[in-house]
């Protein structure tokens, strides 16, 4: 929801707006680029640019999943302070290492004392920072895990799962168990062609297995949050949306395999405008999964 709706739904009534001066009133009623959407009383999602941020605020503090960018984090923090007052101690969790999910880590450093991620995510963050010569702009995970991690935070039990390589080799599935809400990071691109980071251990075949295990692990009422969605589609998902993305990845491999067997080159394959069987995935970027599938299939054939 837009900022004006967030404020309205947290106690600022139309009558209250009458006491504001013209400039302040205009600022409240403007529609800024960022949006906050509440999923329950204290849990919501924040979107501006980059990957979706999931957050939960309680009297114990605040938990944030992913961090976008240094210039977007203050927008979220100030809005939450408006509603909840002092946020207090808490933690930040990274679903994976990519910059549109972690560049804003540094902006959270003065807000929360702890940053949790998969061990491979921390390694990938460090390697990327060295490559980009941006080590001075980073806040790396202060705590890591390899298979699972959990903590009790107020009334919420938070559990992180690692089911194997997918979008990268360090993707965390973050489950708010009491709320039954999961942040999938970039393990699901809702009707948008994904980036397959093979340099960071990504595997489409393994990605399919990770998502199938996810669907087997959680129940039909689980609400999923995706990092990105195509134009006109939501970042909030149900299990059927996750299954649709599994089918899409299967179709990417099926199509690419058939094209290779027909003697097509990579350059010819990536000129495709649609993945057969998954027409909902539209727009730019089809060459990303097709290039990755070509490399993965070619590597397996050469093994």
C-alpha atoms as a PDB file:
ATOM      1  CA  UNK A   1       0.000   0.000   0.000  1.00  0.00           C
ATOM      2  CA  UNK A   2       1.080   3.550  -0.561  1.00  0.00           C
ATOM      3  CA  UNK A   3       2.456   5.607   2.325  1.00  0.00           C
ATOM      4  CA  UNK A   4      -0.781   7.567   2.660  1.00  0.00           C
ATOM      5  CA  UNK A   5      -2.734   4.331   3.159  1.00  0.00           C
ATOM      6  CA  UNK A   6      -0.154   3.020   5.636  1.00  0.00           C
ATOM      7  CA  UNK A   7      -0.544   6.146   7.748  1.00  0.00           C
ATOM      8  CA  UNK A   8      -4.314   6.083   7.458  1.00  0.00           C
ATOM      9  CA  UNK A   9      -4.448   2.467   8.553  1.00  0.00           C
ATOM     10  CA  UNK A  10      -2.191   3.133  11.543  1.00  0.00           C
ATOM     11  CA  UNK A  11      -4.266   5.802  13.193  1.00  0.00           C
ATOM     12  CA  UNK A  12      -3.987   9.028  11.164  1.00  0.00           C
ATOM     13  CA  UNK A  13      -7.625   9.800  10.333  1.00  0.00           C
ATOM     14  CA  UNK A  14      -9.067  12.246   7.866  1.00  0.00           C
ATOM     15  CA  UNK A  15     -10.011  14.464  10.803  1.00  0.00           C
ATOM     16  CA  UNK A  16      -6.429  14.433  11.967  1.00  0.00           C
ATOM     17  CA  UNK A  17      -5.240  15.547   8.548  1.00  0.00           C
ATOM     18  CA  UNK A  18      -7.215  18.759   8.975  1.00  0.00           C
ATOM     19  CA  UNK A  19      -4.736  19.927  11.631  1.00  0.00           C
ATOM     20  CA  UNK A  20      -1.766  19.714   9.268  1.00  0.00           C
ATOM     21  CA  UNK A  21      -0.472  22.702   7.355  1.00  0.00           C
ATOM     22  CA  UNK A  22      -0.705  22.731   3.558  1.00  0.00           C
ATOM     23  CA  UNK A  23       2.864  21.594   2.905  1.00  0.00           C
ATOM     24  CA  UNK A  24       2.694  18.724   5.386  1.00  0.00           C
ATOM     25  CA  UNK A  25      -0.714  17.660   4.074  1.00  0.00           C
ATOM     26  CA  UNK A  26       0.637  17.576   0.530  1.00  0.00           C
ATOM     27  CA  UNK A  27       3.560  15.408   1.596  1.00  0.00           C
ATOM     28  CA  UNK A  28       1.269  12.909   3.357  1.00  0.00           C
ATOM     29  CA  UNK A  29      -1.053  12.634   0.369  1.00  0.00           C
ATOM     30  CA  UNK A  30       1.679  12.311  -2.247  1.00  0.00           C
ATOM     31  CA  UNK A  31       2.403   8.877  -3.669  1.00  0.00           C
ATOM     32  CA  UNK A  32       6.110   8.202  -3.191  1.00  0.00           C
ATOM     33  CA  UNK A  33       7.956   5.413  -4.973  1.00  0.00           C
ATOM     34  CA  UNK A  34       8.002   3.171  -1.941  1.00  0.00           C
ATOM     35  CA  UNK A  35       5.129   1.046  -0.661  1.00  0.00           C
ATOM     36  CA  UNK A  36       4.401  -0.684   2.640  1.00  0.00           C
ATOM     37  CA  UNK A  37       1.844  -3.471   2.698  1.00  0.00           C
ATOM     38  CA  UNK A  38       0.850  -5.014   6.014  1.00  0.00           C
ATOM     39  CA  UNK A  39       0.275  -8.789   6.029  1.00  0.00           C
ATOM     40  CA  UNK A  40      -0.852  -8.932   9.645  1.00  0.00           C
ATOM     41  CA  UNK A  41      -0.809  -6.539  12.602  1.00  0.00           C
ATOM     42  CA  UNK A  42       2.993  -6.304  12.854  1.00  0.00           C
ATOM     43  CA  UNK A  43       4.318  -7.970   9.698  1.00  0.00           C
ATOM     44  CA  UNK A  44       4.593  -6.361   6.302  1.00  0.00           C
ATOM     45  CA  UNK A  45       6.490  -6.007   3.049  1.00  0.00           C
ATOM     46  CA  UNK A  46       8.340  -2.987   1.727  1.00  0.00           C
ATOM     47  CA  UNK A  47       8.990  -2.379  -1.963  1.00  0.00           C
ATOM     48  CA  UNK A  48      10.864   0.442  -3.641  1.00  0.00           C
ATOM     49  CA  UNK A  49      13.736  -0.757  -5.788  1.00  0.00           C
ATOM     50  CA  UNK A  50      15.590  -4.039  -5.620  1.00  0.00           C
ATOM     51  CA  UNK A  51      14.394  -7.112  -3.774  1.00  0.00           C
ATOM     52  CA  UNK A  52      11.339  -7.104  -1.522  1.00  0.00           C
ATOM     53  CA  UNK A  53      11.949  -6.486   2.203  1.00  0.00           C
ATOM     54  CA  UNK A  54       9.860  -8.487   4.705  1.00  0.00           C
ATOM     55  CA  UNK A  55       9.701  -7.068   8.232  1.00  0.00           C
ATOM     56  CA  UNK A  56       8.115  -7.736  11.601  1.00  0.00           C
ATOM     57  CA  UNK A  57       8.012  -5.317  14.515  1.00  0.00           C
ATOM     58  CA  UNK A  58       7.238  -6.204  18.142  1.00  0.00           C
ATOM     59  CA  UNK A  59       8.081  -4.865  21.603  1.00  0.00           C
ATOM     60  CA  UNK A  60      11.339  -6.859  21.423  1.00  0.00           C
ATOM     61  CA  UNK A  61      12.456  -4.967  18.318  1.00  0.00           C
ATOM     62  CA  UNK A  62      12.315  -5.533  14.579  1.00  0.00           C
ATOM     63  CA  UNK A  63      13.323  -8.294  12.187  1.00  0.00           C
ATOM     64  CA  UNK A  64      14.086  -7.442   8.569  1.00  0.00           C
ATOM     65  CA  UNK A  65      14.623  -9.848   5.689  1.00  0.00           C
ATOM     66  CA  UNK A  66      16.792  -8.317   2.940  1.00  0.00           C
ATOM     67  CA  UNK A  67      18.023  -4.777   2.645  1.00  0.00           C
ATOM     68  CA  UNK A  68      17.637  -3.235  -0.826  1.00  0.00           C
ATOM     69  CA  UNK A  69      19.896  -0.154  -1.030  1.00  0.00           C
ATOM     70  CA  UNK A  70      21.336   2.457   1.374  1.00  0.00           C
ATOM     71  CA  UNK A  71      19.022   5.155   0.002  1.00  0.00           C
ATOM     72  CA  UNK A  72      15.817   3.095   0.373  1.00  0.00           C
ATOM     73  CA  UNK A  73      16.322   1.729   3.910  1.00  0.00           C
ATOM     74  CA  UNK A  74      15.702   5.117   5.627  1.00  0.00           C
ATOM     75  CA  UNK A  75      12.285   5.327   3.980  1.00  0.00           C
ATOM     76  CA  UNK A  76      11.244   2.083   5.660  1.00  0.00           C
ATOM     77  CA  UNK A  77      12.822   2.871   9.018  1.00  0.00           C
ATOM     78  CA  UNK A  78      11.205   6.297   9.272  1.00  0.00           C
ATOM     79  CA  UNK A  79       7.785   4.895   8.392  1.00  0.00           C
ATOM     80  CA  UNK A  80       8.094   2.199  11.052  1.00  0.00           C
ATOM     81  CA  UNK A  81       9.205   4.718  13.655  1.00  0.00           C
ATOM     82  CA  UNK A  82       6.138   6.786  12.799  1.00  0.00           C
ATOM     83  CA  UNK A  83       3.905   3.840  13.620  1.00  0.00           C
ATOM     84  CA  UNK A  84       5.804   2.017  16.356  1.00  0.00           C
ATOM     85  CA  UNK A  85       8.085   4.637  17.868  1.00  0.00           C
ATOM     86  CA  UNK A  86      11.523   3.333  18.832  1.00  0.00           C
ATOM     87  CA  UNK A  87      12.190   0.077  16.993  1.00  0.00           C
ATOM     88  CA  UNK A  88      14.725  -1.311  19.469  1.00  0.00           C
ATOM     89  CA  UNK A  89      17.088  -4.243  19.073  1.00  0.00           C
ATOM     90  CA  UNK A  90      16.496  -6.835  16.401  1.00  0.00           C
ATOM     91  CA  UNK A  91      18.150  -8.459  13.436  1.00  0.00           C
ATOM     92  CA  UNK A  92      18.605  -8.408   9.683  1.00  0.00           C
ATOM     93  CA  UNK A  93      18.546 -11.564   7.565  1.00  0.00           C
ATOM     94  CA  UNK A  94      19.894 -11.828   4.009  1.00  0.00           C
ATOM     95  CA  UNK A  95      18.243 -14.372   1.701  1.00  0.00           C
ATOM     96  CA  UNK A  96      21.315 -14.297  -0.573  1.00  0.00           C
ATOM     97  CA  UNK A  97      24.224 -12.064  -1.522  1.00  0.00           C
ATOM     98  CA  UNK A  98      23.129 -10.046  -4.556  1.00  0.00           C
ATOM     99  CA  UNK A  99      23.477  -6.297  -4.267  1.00  0.00           C
ATOM    100  CA  UNK A 100      19.801  -5.470  -4.700  1.00  0.00           C
ATOM    101  CA  UNK A 101      19.203  -7.481  -1.509  1.00  0.00           C
ATOM    102  CA  UNK A 102      22.342  -6.597   0.484  1.00  0.00           C
ATOM    103  CA  UNK A 103      23.690  -3.182  -0.555  1.00  0.00           C
ATOM    104  CA  UNK A 104      21.463  -1.676   2.129  1.00  0.00           C
ATOM    105  CA  UNK A 105      23.028  -3.828   4.859  1.00  0.00           C
ATOM    106  CA  UNK A 106      25.294  -0.951   5.795  1.00  0.00           C
ATOM    107  CA  UNK A 107      22.246   1.281   6.424  1.00  0.00           C
ATOM    108  CA  UNK A 108      20.894  -1.283   8.901  1.00  0.00           C
ATOM    109  CA  UNK A 109      24.146  -1.482  10.857  1.00  0.00           C
ATOM    110  CA  UNK A 110      23.088   1.265  13.257  1.00  0.00           C
ATOM    111  CA  UNK A 111      19.537  -0.093  13.516  1.00  0.00           C
ATOM    112  CA  UNK A 112      20.037  -3.777  14.401  1.00  0.00           C
ATOM    113  CA  UNK A 113      22.992  -5.552  16.064  1.00  0.00           C
ATOM    114  CA  UNK A 114      22.924  -8.843  14.166  1.00  0.00           C
ATOM    115  CA  UNK A 115      22.980  -9.963  10.523  1.00  0.00           C
ATOM    116  CA  UNK A 116      22.278 -13.609   9.661  1.00  0.00           C
ATOM    117  CA  UNK A 117      22.800 -15.440   6.351  1.00  0.00           C
ATOM    118  CA  UNK A 118      23.908 -18.742   4.895  1.00  0.00           C
ATOM    119  CA  UNK A 119      27.658 -19.328   5.055  1.00  0.00           C
ATOM    120  CA  UNK A 120      27.935 -19.332   1.257  1.00  0.00           C
ATOM    121  CA  UNK A 121      26.066 -16.037   1.086  1.00  0.00           C
ATOM    122  CA  UNK A 122      28.671 -14.406   3.305  1.00  0.00           C
ATOM    123  CA  UNK A 123      31.486 -15.780   1.132  1.00  0.00           C
ATOM    124  CA  UNK A 124      29.731 -14.552  -2.002  1.00  0.00           C
ATOM    125  CA  UNK A 125      29.200 -11.098  -0.485  1.00  0.00           C
ATOM    126  CA  UNK A 126      32.874 -10.834   0.402  1.00  0.00           C
ATOM    127  CA  UNK A 127      33.998 -12.004  -3.033  1.00  0.00           C
ATOM    128  CA  UNK A 128      31.651  -9.611  -4.816  1.00  0.00           C
ATOM    129  CA  UNK A 129      32.832  -6.677  -2.692  1.00  0.00           C
ATOM    130  CA  UNK A 130      36.479  -7.469  -3.434  1.00  0.00           C
ATOM    131  CA  UNK A 131      35.735  -7.704  -7.157  1.00  0.00           C
ATOM    132  CA  UNK A 132      33.829  -4.418  -7.119  1.00  0.00           C
ATOM    133  CA  UNK A 133      36.329  -2.748  -4.755  1.00  0.00           C
ATOM    134  CA  UNK A 134      33.454  -1.800  -2.453  1.00  0.00           C
ATOM    135  CA  UNK A 135      34.557  -3.493   0.767  1.00  0.00           C
ATOM    136  CA  UNK A 136      34.255  -0.215   2.693  1.00  0.00           C
ATOM    137  CA  UNK A 137      30.530  -0.049   1.849  1.00  0.00           C
ATOM    138  CA  UNK A 138      29.620  -3.474   3.243  1.00  0.00           C
ATOM    139  CA  UNK A 139      28.230  -4.939   6.432  1.00  0.00           C
ATOM    140  CA  UNK A 140      28.761  -8.671   6.268  1.00  0.00           C
ATOM    141  CA  UNK A 141      26.771 -11.336   8.146  1.00  0.00           C
ATOM    142  CA  UNK A 142      27.747 -11.565  11.808  1.00  0.00           C
ATOM    143  CA  UNK A 143      26.244 -15.047  12.127  1.00  0.00           C
ATOM    144  CA  UNK A 144      26.007 -17.847   9.542  1.00  0.00           C
ATOM    145  CA  UNK A 145      24.641 -21.375   9.228  1.00  0.00           C
ATOM    146  CA  UNK A 146      24.894 -24.284   6.760  1.00  0.00           C
ATOM    147  CA  UNK A 147      21.687 -26.365   6.950  1.00  0.00           C
ATOM    148  CA  UNK A 148      19.196 -24.654   9.267  1.00  0.00           C
ATOM    149  CA  UNK A 149      19.033 -21.896  11.855  1.00  0.00           C
ATOM    150  CA  UNK A 150      16.263 -20.797  14.214  1.00  0.00           C
ATOM    151  CA  UNK A 151      15.510 -18.345  16.968  1.00  0.00           C
ATOM    152  CA  UNK A 152      12.579 -17.179  19.056  1.00  0.00           C
ATOM    153  CA  UNK A 153      11.913 -13.472  18.659  1.00  0.00           C
ATOM    154  CA  UNK A 154       9.060 -12.311  20.827  1.00  0.00           C
ATOM    155  CA  UNK A 155       6.046 -14.407  19.873  1.00  0.00           C
ATOM    156  CA  UNK A 156       7.556 -15.292  16.495  1.00  0.00           C
ATOM    157  CA  UNK A 157       9.732 -18.319  15.794  1.00  0.00           C
ATOM    158  CA  UNK A 158      12.025 -17.642  12.862  1.00  0.00           C
ATOM    159  CA  UNK A 159      13.636 -20.524  11.002  1.00  0.00           C
ATOM    160  CA  UNK A 160      16.063 -20.438   8.081  1.00  0.00           C
ATOM    161  CA  UNK A 161      16.321 -23.414   5.730  1.00  0.00           C
ATOM    162  CA  UNK A 162      18.931 -24.269   3.138  1.00  0.00           C
ATOM    163  CA  UNK A 163      17.733 -26.922   0.679  1.00  0.00           C
ATOM    164  CA  UNK A 164      20.608 -26.701  -1.818  1.00  0.00           C
ATOM    165  CA  UNK A 165      21.768 -24.624  -4.775  1.00  0.00           C
ATOM    166  CA  UNK A 166      19.169 -22.701  -6.703  1.00  0.00           C
ATOM    167  CA  UNK A 167      19.389 -19.067  -7.718  1.00  0.00           C
ATOM    168  CA  UNK A 168      22.839 -19.159  -6.011  1.00  0.00           C
ATOM    169  CA  UNK A 169      24.593 -21.644  -3.731  1.00  0.00           C
ATOM    170  CA  UNK A 170      23.552 -19.681  -0.620  1.00  0.00           C
ATOM    171  CA  UNK A 171      19.795 -19.098  -0.795  1.00  0.00           C
ATOM    172  CA  UNK A 172      17.975 -19.005   2.537  1.00  0.00           C
ATOM    173  CA  UNK A 173      14.282 -19.779   2.850  1.00  0.00           C
ATOM    174  CA  UNK A 174      13.156 -17.594   5.763  1.00  0.00           C
ATOM    175  CA  UNK A 175      10.060 -18.813   7.613  1.00  0.00           C
ATOM    176  CA  UNK A 176       8.150 -16.736  10.143  1.00  0.00           C
ATOM    177  CA  UNK A 177       6.525 -19.823  11.647  1.00  0.00           C
ATOM    178  CA  UNK A 178       3.813 -18.238  13.819  1.00  0.00           C
ATOM    179  CA  UNK A 179       2.676 -16.011  10.954  1.00  0.00           C
ATOM    180  CA  UNK A 180       3.328 -18.790   8.403  1.00  0.00           C
ATOM    181  CA  UNK A 181       4.975 -16.354   6.025  1.00  0.00           C
ATOM    182  CA  UNK A 182       8.083 -17.247   4.019  1.00  0.00           C
ATOM    183  CA  UNK A 183      10.506 -14.947   2.243  1.00  0.00           C
ATOM    184  CA  UNK A 184      11.844 -16.892  -0.731  1.00  0.00           C
ATOM    185  CA  UNK A 185      14.370 -14.268  -1.797  1.00  0.00           C
ATOM    186  CA  UNK A 186      15.056 -14.826  -5.499  1.00  0.00           C
ATOM    187  CA  UNK A 187      14.185 -18.524  -5.428  1.00  0.00           C
ATOM    188  CA  UNK A 188      10.921 -17.440  -7.047  1.00  0.00           C
ATOM    189  CA  UNK A 189      10.589 -14.838  -9.794  1.00  0.00           C
ATOM    190  CA  UNK A 190       6.850 -14.370 -10.224  1.00  0.00           C
ATOM    191  CA  UNK A 191       6.187 -14.273 -13.979  1.00  0.00           C
ATOM    192  CA  UNK A 192       9.558 -12.680 -14.629  1.00  0.00           C
ATOM    193  CA  UNK A 193      12.595 -14.290 -16.266  1.00  0.00           C
ATOM    194  CA  UNK A 194      15.159 -15.052 -13.564  1.00  0.00           C
ATOM    195  CA  UNK A 195      18.877 -14.463 -13.257  1.00  0.00           C
ATOM    196  CA  UNK A 196      20.712 -17.772 -12.775  1.00  0.00           C
ATOM    197  CA  UNK A 197      24.001 -16.940 -11.036  1.00  0.00           C
ATOM    198  CA  UNK A 198      26.146 -19.845 -12.147  1.00  0.00           C
ATOM    199  CA  UNK A 199      29.309 -18.063 -11.016  1.00  0.00           C
ATOM    200  CA  UNK A 200      27.856 -18.306  -7.506  1.00  0.00           C
ATOM    201  CA  UNK A 201      26.922 -21.985  -7.809  1.00  0.00           C
ATOM    202  CA  UNK A 202      23.431 -21.735  -9.295  1.00  0.00           C
ATOM    203  CA  UNK A 203      21.844 -24.802 -10.887  1.00  0.00           C
ATOM    204  CA  UNK A 204      18.453 -24.916 -12.594  1.00  0.00           C
ATOM    205  CA  UNK A 205      18.072 -28.664 -12.014  1.00  0.00           C
ATOM    206  CA  UNK A 206      18.877 -28.280  -8.313  1.00  0.00           C
ATOM    207  CA  UNK A 207      16.671 -25.180  -8.139  1.00  0.00           C
ATOM    208  CA  UNK A 208      13.694 -27.310  -9.173  1.00  0.00           C
ATOM    209  CA  UNK A 209      14.498 -29.774  -6.390  1.00  0.00           C
ATOM    210  CA  UNK A 210      14.795 -26.946  -3.849  1.00  0.00           C
ATOM    211  CA  UNK A 211      11.357 -25.607  -4.731  1.00  0.00           C
ATOM    212  CA  UNK A 212       9.759 -29.043  -4.701  1.00  0.00           C
ATOM    213  CA  UNK A 213      11.208 -29.674  -1.246  1.00  0.00           C
ATOM    214  CA  UNK A 214       9.874 -26.295  -0.142  1.00  0.00           C
ATOM    215  CA  UNK A 215       6.367 -27.188  -1.286  1.00  0.00           C
ATOM    216  CA  UNK A 216       6.610 -30.524   0.523  1.00  0.00           C
ATOM    217  CA  UNK A 217       7.857 -28.893   3.733  1.00  0.00           C
ATOM    218  CA  UNK A 218       5.252 -26.168   4.179  1.00  0.00           C
ATOM    219  CA  UNK A 219       1.462 -26.283   4.104  1.00  0.00           C
ATOM    220  CA  UNK A 220      -1.255 -25.036   1.766  1.00  0.00           C
ATOM    221  CA  UNK A 221      -1.871 -21.935   3.888  1.00  0.00           C
ATOM    222  CA  UNK A 222       1.725 -20.701   3.760  1.00  0.00           C
ATOM    223  CA  UNK A 223       2.117 -17.256   2.239  1.00  0.00           C
ATOM    224  CA  UNK A 224       5.225 -16.742   0.141  1.00  0.00           C
ATOM    225  CA  UNK A 225       7.078 -13.498  -0.526  1.00  0.00           C
ATOM    226  CA  UNK A 226       9.151 -13.326  -3.706  1.00  0.00           C
ATOM    227  CA  UNK A 227      12.044 -11.012  -4.369  1.00  0.00           C
ATOM    228  CA  UNK A 228      10.717  -9.856  -7.730  1.00  0.00           C
ATOM    229  CA  UNK A 229       7.604 -10.023  -9.898  1.00  0.00           C
ATOM    230  CA  UNK A 230       6.832  -9.207 -13.498  1.00  0.00           C
ATOM    231  CA  UNK A 231       4.776  -6.182 -14.489  1.00  0.00           C
ATOM    232  CA  UNK A 232       1.211  -6.599 -13.292  1.00  0.00           C
ATOM    233  CA  UNK A 233       2.026  -9.484 -10.933  1.00  0.00           C
ATOM    234  CA  UNK A 234       2.301  -9.588  -7.158  1.00  0.00           C
ATOM    235  CA  UNK A 235       5.325 -10.321  -4.976  1.00  0.00           C
ATOM    236  CA  UNK A 236       2.947 -12.141  -2.601  1.00  0.00           C
ATOM    237  CA  UNK A 237       2.383 -15.733  -3.668  1.00  0.00           C
ATOM    238  CA  UNK A 238       0.506 -18.907  -2.867  1.00  0.00           C
ATOM    239  CA  UNK A 239       1.789 -22.449  -3.342  1.00  0.00           C
ATOM    240  CA  UNK A 240       0.297 -22.593  -6.860  1.00  0.00           C
ATOM    241  CA  UNK A 241       2.505 -19.678  -7.907  1.00  0.00           C
ATOM    242  CA  UNK A 242       5.588 -21.513  -6.630  1.00  0.00           C
ATOM    243  CA  UNK A 243       4.483 -24.627  -8.569  1.00  0.00           C
ATOM    244  CA  UNK A 244       4.054 -22.505 -11.683  1.00  0.00           C
ATOM    245  CA  UNK A 245       7.651 -21.311 -11.368  1.00  0.00           C
ATOM    246  CA  UNK A 246       8.816 -24.920 -10.956  1.00  0.00           C
ATOM    247  CA  UNK A 247       7.003 -25.767 -14.193  1.00  0.00           C
ATOM    248  CA  UNK A 248       8.607 -22.763 -15.862  1.00  0.00           C
ATOM    249  CA  UNK A 249      12.117 -23.921 -14.886  1.00  0.00           C
ATOM    250  CA  UNK A 250      11.311 -27.439 -16.087  1.00  0.00           C
ATOM    251  CA  UNK A 251      10.124 -25.986 -19.390  1.00  0.00           C
ATOM    252  CA  UNK A 252      13.317 -23.936 -19.736  1.00  0.00           C
ATOM    253  CA  UNK A 253      15.387 -27.127 -19.463  1.00  0.00           C
ATOM    254  CA  UNK A 254      13.025 -29.093 -21.713  1.00  0.00           C
ATOM    255  CA  UNK A 255      13.021 -26.435 -24.434  1.00  0.00           C
ATOM    256  CA  UNK A 256      16.774 -25.884 -24.321  1.00  0.00           C
ATOM    257  CA  UNK A 257      17.493 -29.636 -24.414  1.00  0.00           C
ATOM    258  CA  UNK A 258      15.270 -30.055 -27.484  1.00  0.00           C
ATOM    259  CA  UNK A 259      16.953 -27.116 -29.213  1.00  0.00           C
ATOM    260  CA  UNK A 260      20.433 -28.499 -28.529  1.00  0.00           C
ATOM    261  CA  UNK A 261      19.403 -31.918 -29.829  1.00  0.00           C
ATOM    262  CA  UNK A 262      18.077 -30.199 -32.951  1.00  0.00           C
ATOM    263  CA  UNK A 263      21.551 -28.769 -33.532  1.00  0.00           C
ATOM    264  CA  UNK A 264      20.782 -25.180 -32.540  1.00  0.00           C
ATOM    265  CA  UNK A 265      23.575 -22.956 -31.235  1.00  0.00           C
ATOM    266  CA  UNK A 266      23.365 -20.928 -28.058  1.00  0.00           C
ATOM    267  CA  UNK A 267      23.027 -17.760 -30.123  1.00  0.00           C
ATOM    268  CA  UNK A 268      20.041 -19.244 -31.938  1.00  0.00           C
ATOM    269  CA  UNK A 269      18.399 -20.567 -28.787  1.00  0.00           C
ATOM    270  CA  UNK A 270      18.488 -17.270 -26.871  1.00  0.00           C
ATOM    271  CA  UNK A 271      16.591 -15.556 -29.697  1.00  0.00           C
ATOM    272  CA  UNK A 272      13.424 -17.311 -28.522  1.00  0.00           C
ATOM    273  CA  UNK A 273      10.621 -14.979 -27.490  1.00  0.00           C
ATOM    274  CA  UNK A 274       8.687 -17.438 -25.294  1.00  0.00           C
ATOM    275  CA  UNK A 275       9.270 -20.543 -23.197  1.00  0.00           C
ATOM    276  CA  UNK A 276       6.845 -23.168 -24.562  1.00  0.00           C
ATOM    277  CA  UNK A 277       4.404 -24.186 -21.857  1.00  0.00           C
ATOM    278  CA  UNK A 278       5.032 -21.064 -19.746  1.00  0.00           C
ATOM    279  CA  UNK A 279       3.668 -18.123 -21.764  1.00  0.00           C
ATOM    280  CA  UNK A 280       3.024 -16.035 -18.632  1.00  0.00           C
ATOM    281  CA  UNK A 281       6.752 -15.378 -18.315  1.00  0.00           C
ATOM    282  CA  UNK A 282       7.096 -12.435 -20.659  1.00  0.00           C
ATOM    283  CA  UNK A 283       9.236  -9.385 -21.230  1.00  0.00           C
ATOM    284  CA  UNK A 284      12.958  -8.836 -21.371  1.00  0.00           C
ATOM    285  CA  UNK A 285      15.506 -11.236 -19.966  1.00  0.00           C
ATOM    286  CA  UNK A 286      14.602 -14.547 -21.607  1.00  0.00           C
ATOM    287  CA  UNK A 287      18.233 -14.921 -22.647  1.00  0.00           C
ATOM    288  CA  UNK A 288      19.300 -15.213 -18.986  1.00  0.00           C
ATOM    289  CA  UNK A 289      17.683 -18.581 -18.182  1.00  0.00           C
ATOM    290  CA  UNK A 290      18.261 -19.908 -21.698  1.00  0.00           C
ATOM    291  CA  UNK A 291      21.985 -19.110 -21.595  1.00  0.00           C
ATOM    292  CA  UNK A 292      22.256 -20.713 -18.166  1.00  0.00           C
ATOM    293  CA  UNK A 293      20.319 -23.794 -19.287  1.00  0.00           C
ATOM    294  CA  UNK A 294      22.546 -24.144 -22.367  1.00  0.00           C
ATOM    295  CA  UNK A 295      25.692 -24.035 -20.215  1.00  0.00           C
ATOM    296  CA  UNK A 296      24.259 -26.447 -17.623  1.00  0.00           C
ATOM    297  CA  UNK A 297      23.061 -28.998 -20.173  1.00  0.00           C
ATOM    298  CA  UNK A 298      26.275 -28.767 -22.198  1.00  0.00           C
ATOM    299  CA  UNK A 299      28.374 -29.257 -19.065  1.00  0.00           C
ATOM    300  CA  UNK A 300      26.371 -32.312 -18.007  1.00  0.00           C
ATOM    301  CA  UNK A 301      26.675 -33.837 -21.481  1.00  0.00           C
ATOM    302  CA  UNK A 302      30.424 -33.320 -21.425  1.00  0.00           C
ATOM    303  CA  UNK A 303      30.804 -34.880 -17.968  1.00  0.00           C
END
